[in-house]
């Protein structure tokens, strides 16, 4: 639905012996990586967040217009505000 994704990832060997590989990312609404921290060393990623790019992506691919309420078991899940936000 046209959003920036901030993917923070741990890196290194942990106390329990588990190993993770880092590579944190910031991705724009079209899937382009705009900032990253490569490898598993500590680091910080910075990116300018263009809210106009979010609006443009949502205008070209209006996924939120397809939002519908649905039922799971006995619970009805209402998707509120999504349709209004897409219009």
N, C-alpha and C. Protein backbone atom coordinates (compact mmCIF):
# COMPACT_ATOMS: atom_id res chain seq x y z
N UNK A 1 0.81 -1.20 0.00
CA UNK A 1 0.00 0.00 0.00
C UNK A 1 0.85 1.26 0.00
N UNK A 2 2.00 1.20 -0.63
CA UNK A 2 2.83 2.39 -0.80
C UNK A 2 3.40 2.91 0.50
N UNK A 3 4.43 2.29 1.00
CA UNK A 3 5.03 2.71 2.26
C UNK A 3 6.53 2.48 2.22
N UNK A 4 7.25 3.26 2.99
CA UNK A 4 8.66 2.98 3.20
C UNK A 4 8.76 1.81 4.18
N UNK A 5 9.73 0.95 3.99
CA UNK A 5 9.96 -0.18 4.90
C UNK A 5 11.31 0.02 5.56
N UNK A 6 11.31 -0.06 6.89
CA UNK A 6 12.53 0.03 7.68
C UNK A 6 12.80 -1.36 8.24
N UNK A 7 13.81 -2.03 7.72
CA UNK A 7 14.09 -3.41 8.12
C UNK A 7 15.38 -3.43 8.94
N UNK A 8 15.21 -3.39 10.26
CA UNK A 8 16.36 -3.46 11.17
C UNK A 8 16.72 -4.92 11.37
N UNK A 9 18.00 -5.25 11.24
CA UNK A 9 18.42 -6.64 11.33
C UNK A 9 19.63 -6.77 12.27
N UNK A 10 19.54 -7.72 13.19
CA UNK A 10 20.67 -8.00 14.09
C UNK A 10 21.77 -8.70 13.32
N UNK A 11 22.99 -8.53 13.80
CA UNK A 11 24.11 -9.23 13.20
C UNK A 11 25.09 -9.71 14.25
N UNK A 12 25.72 -10.83 14.00
CA UNK A 12 26.75 -11.34 14.90
C UNK A 12 26.34 -12.64 15.57
N UNK A 13 27.22 -13.13 16.43
CA UNK A 13 26.95 -14.36 17.19
C UNK A 13 26.36 -13.96 18.54
N UNK A 14 25.26 -14.60 18.91
CA UNK A 14 24.55 -14.28 20.14
C UNK A 14 24.94 -15.24 21.26
N UNK A 15 24.56 -14.90 22.50
CA UNK A 15 24.94 -15.71 23.66
C UNK A 15 24.51 -17.16 23.54
N UNK A 16 23.39 -17.41 22.88
CA UNK A 16 22.91 -18.79 22.76
C UNK A 16 23.58 -19.54 21.59
N UNK A 17 24.56 -18.91 20.95
CA UNK A 17 25.28 -19.55 19.84
C UNK A 17 24.68 -19.28 18.47
N UNK A 18 23.50 -18.71 18.46
CA UNK A 18 22.82 -18.40 17.20
C UNK A 18 23.57 -17.29 16.48
N UNK A 19 23.63 -17.38 15.17
CA UNK A 19 24.31 -16.35 14.38
C UNK A 19 23.31 -15.67 13.45
N UNK A 20 23.37 -14.35 13.40
CA UNK A 20 22.53 -13.58 12.47
C UNK A 20 23.45 -12.73 11.59
N UNK A 21 22.92 -12.27 10.47
CA UNK A 21 23.78 -11.73 9.43
C UNK A 21 23.56 -10.27 9.09
N UNK A 22 22.76 -9.57 9.88
CA UNK A 22 22.62 -8.13 9.68
C UNK A 22 22.01 -7.74 8.35
N UNK A 23 22.54 -6.69 7.77
CA UNK A 23 22.11 -6.11 6.49
C UNK A 23 20.76 -5.40 6.64
N UNK A 24 20.74 -4.38 7.50
CA UNK A 24 19.55 -3.56 7.67
C UNK A 24 19.31 -2.71 6.42
N UNK A 25 18.03 -2.43 6.13
CA UNK A 25 17.67 -1.71 4.91
C UNK A 25 16.58 -0.68 5.16
N UNK A 26 16.55 0.33 4.32
CA UNK A 26 15.39 1.21 4.17
C UNK A 26 15.00 1.12 2.70
N UNK A 27 13.73 0.80 2.45
CA UNK A 27 13.24 0.56 1.09
C UNK A 27 12.11 1.53 0.79
N UNK A 28 12.12 2.13 -0.40
CA UNK A 28 11.08 3.09 -0.77
C UNK A 28 9.80 2.37 -1.23
N UNK A 29 8.71 3.12 -1.47
CA UNK A 29 7.44 2.48 -1.85
C UNK A 29 7.48 1.65 -3.13
N UNK A 30 8.50 1.84 -3.97
CA UNK A 30 8.60 1.07 -5.21
C UNK A 30 9.58 -0.09 -5.10
N UNK A 31 10.14 -0.30 -3.91
CA UNK A 31 11.03 -1.44 -3.70
C UNK A 31 12.50 -1.15 -3.89
N UNK A 32 12.85 0.10 -4.13
CA UNK A 32 14.26 0.46 -4.28
C UNK A 32 14.91 0.65 -2.91
N UNK A 33 16.07 0.06 -2.71
CA UNK A 33 16.81 0.23 -1.46
C UNK A 33 17.42 1.64 -1.48
N UNK A 34 17.06 2.46 -0.49
CA UNK A 34 17.56 3.84 -0.45
C UNK A 34 18.65 4.02 0.60
N UNK A 35 18.79 3.06 1.51
CA UNK A 35 19.88 3.08 2.49
C UNK A 35 20.06 1.68 3.04
N UNK A 36 21.30 1.35 3.41
CA UNK A 36 21.54 0.03 3.97
C UNK A 36 22.79 0.03 4.84
N UNK A 37 22.83 -0.92 5.75
CA UNK A 37 24.01 -1.19 6.56
C UNK A 37 24.44 -2.60 6.19
N UNK A 38 25.51 -2.71 5.43
CA UNK A 38 25.94 -4.02 4.96
C UNK A 38 26.68 -4.78 6.06
N UNK A 39 26.61 -6.09 5.99
CA UNK A 39 27.33 -6.95 6.92
C UNK A 39 26.69 -6.98 8.29
N UNK A 40 27.45 -7.49 9.27
CA UNK A 40 26.86 -7.65 10.60
C UNK A 40 27.52 -6.77 11.65
N UNK A 41 28.27 -5.76 11.22
CA UNK A 41 28.84 -4.80 12.16
C UNK A 41 27.78 -3.75 12.51
N UNK A 42 27.85 -3.16 13.72
CA UNK A 42 26.90 -2.11 14.08
C UNK A 42 26.97 -0.94 13.10
N UNK A 43 25.84 -0.33 12.83
CA UNK A 43 25.82 0.81 11.93
C UNK A 43 24.48 1.51 11.97
N UNK A 44 24.40 2.62 11.28
CA UNK A 44 23.18 3.42 11.22
C UNK A 44 22.92 3.75 9.75
N UNK A 45 21.67 3.64 9.34
CA UNK A 45 21.27 4.00 7.98
C UNK A 45 20.42 5.26 8.04
N UNK A 46 20.66 6.18 7.14
CA UNK A 46 19.89 7.41 7.05
C UNK A 46 19.29 7.52 5.65
N UNK A 47 18.07 8.05 5.58
CA UNK A 47 17.44 8.28 4.28
C UNK A 47 16.45 9.43 4.41
N UNK A 48 16.32 10.21 3.36
CA UNK A 48 15.27 11.23 3.30
C UNK A 48 13.97 10.52 2.96
N UNK A 49 12.93 10.76 3.76
CA UNK A 49 11.64 10.13 3.54
C UNK A 49 10.74 11.12 2.82
N UNK A 50 10.44 10.83 1.59
CA UNK A 50 9.64 11.71 0.73
C UNK A 50 8.18 11.29 0.81
N UNK A 51 7.38 12.04 1.56
CA UNK A 51 5.97 11.68 1.70
C UNK A 51 5.22 11.81 0.38
N UNK A 52 5.71 12.66 -0.52
CA UNK A 52 5.08 12.77 -1.84
C UNK A 52 5.26 11.47 -2.62
N UNK A 53 6.38 10.77 -2.42
CA UNK A 53 6.59 9.48 -3.09
C UNK A 53 5.59 8.44 -2.59
N UNK A 54 5.26 8.51 -1.31
CA UNK A 54 4.25 7.60 -0.75
C UNK A 54 2.90 7.89 -1.40
N UNK A 55 2.53 9.16 -1.46
CA UNK A 55 1.25 9.53 -2.07
C UNK A 55 1.20 9.12 -3.54
N UNK A 56 2.31 9.31 -4.26
CA UNK A 56 2.35 8.93 -5.68
C UNK A 56 2.19 7.42 -5.85
N UNK A 57 2.86 6.65 -5.02
CA UNK A 57 2.75 5.18 -5.11
C UNK A 57 1.33 4.73 -4.80
N UNK A 58 0.73 5.33 -3.79
CA UNK A 58 -0.65 4.96 -3.44
C UNK A 58 -1.62 5.39 -4.54
N UNK A 59 -1.32 6.47 -5.25
CA UNK A 59 -2.18 6.91 -6.35
C UNK A 59 -2.10 5.99 -7.56
N UNK A 60 -0.91 5.48 -7.84
CA UNK A 60 -0.72 4.61 -9.01
C UNK A 60 -1.14 3.17 -8.76
N UNK A 61 -1.03 2.73 -7.51
CA UNK A 61 -1.42 1.36 -7.16
C UNK A 61 -2.34 1.45 -5.93
N UNK A 62 -3.62 1.74 -6.14
CA UNK A 62 -4.53 2.01 -5.02
C UNK A 62 -5.03 0.73 -4.32
N UNK A 63 -4.11 -0.01 -3.70
CA UNK A 63 -4.47 -1.26 -3.03
C UNK A 63 -5.52 -1.08 -1.95
N UNK A 64 -5.50 0.05 -1.25
CA UNK A 64 -6.42 0.23 -0.14
C UNK A 64 -7.88 0.30 -0.60
N UNK A 65 -8.14 0.58 -1.88
CA UNK A 65 -9.52 0.58 -2.37
C UNK A 65 -10.12 -0.82 -2.37
N UNK A 66 -9.28 -1.85 -2.30
CA UNK A 66 -9.76 -3.23 -2.28
C UNK A 66 -10.02 -3.75 -0.88
N UNK A 67 -9.85 -2.93 0.14
CA UNK A 67 -10.03 -3.38 1.53
C UNK A 67 -11.48 -3.80 1.77
N UNK A 68 -11.65 -4.91 2.46
CA UNK A 68 -12.97 -5.43 2.79
C UNK A 68 -12.97 -5.94 4.22
N UNK A 69 -14.11 -5.86 4.88
CA UNK A 69 -14.27 -6.49 6.18
C UNK A 69 -14.39 -7.98 5.96
N UNK A 70 -13.98 -8.78 6.95
CA UNK A 70 -14.07 -10.23 6.81
C UNK A 70 -14.29 -10.85 8.18
N UNK A 71 -14.65 -12.12 8.19
CA UNK A 71 -14.93 -12.84 9.43
C UNK A 71 -13.91 -13.96 9.61
N UNK A 72 -13.39 -14.06 10.84
CA UNK A 72 -12.49 -15.14 11.22
C UNK A 72 -13.12 -15.82 12.42
N UNK A 73 -13.61 -17.04 12.21
CA UNK A 73 -14.33 -17.72 13.28
C UNK A 73 -15.57 -16.92 13.63
N UNK A 74 -15.70 -16.54 14.89
CA UNK A 74 -16.84 -15.75 15.34
C UNK A 74 -16.56 -14.24 15.33
N UNK A 75 -15.35 -13.86 14.98
CA UNK A 75 -14.97 -12.45 15.04
C UNK A 75 -15.01 -11.81 13.66
N UNK A 76 -15.69 -10.67 13.59
CA UNK A 76 -15.68 -9.91 12.34
C UNK A 76 -14.56 -8.89 12.41
N UNK A 77 -13.74 -8.85 11.40
CA UNK A 77 -12.63 -7.90 11.33
C UNK A 77 -13.03 -6.80 10.37
N UNK A 78 -13.11 -5.59 10.88
CA UNK A 78 -13.49 -4.45 10.05
C UNK A 78 -12.23 -3.68 9.67
N UNK A 79 -12.04 -3.45 8.40
CA UNK A 79 -10.92 -2.66 7.93
C UNK A 79 -11.44 -1.23 7.85
N UNK A 80 -11.20 -0.46 8.91
CA UNK A 80 -11.76 0.88 8.97
C UNK A 80 -10.75 1.91 8.50
N UNK A 81 -11.24 2.90 7.83
CA UNK A 81 -10.42 4.00 7.38
C UNK A 81 -9.63 3.73 6.11
N UNK A 82 -9.46 2.49 5.74
CA UNK A 82 -8.63 2.17 4.57
C UNK A 82 -9.25 2.71 3.29
N UNK A 83 -10.53 2.47 3.11
CA UNK A 83 -11.18 2.91 1.87
C UNK A 83 -11.18 4.44 1.80
N UNK A 84 -11.46 5.09 2.95
CA UNK A 84 -11.48 6.55 2.96
C UNK A 84 -10.08 7.10 2.68
N UNK A 85 -9.05 6.45 3.21
CA UNK A 85 -7.67 6.92 3.00
C UNK A 85 -7.27 6.79 1.54
N UNK A 86 -7.83 5.82 0.85
CA UNK A 86 -7.46 5.58 -0.54
C UNK A 86 -8.17 6.53 -1.50
N UNK A 87 -9.22 7.15 -1.05
CA UNK A 87 -10.00 8.02 -1.94
C UNK A 87 -9.48 9.43 -1.98
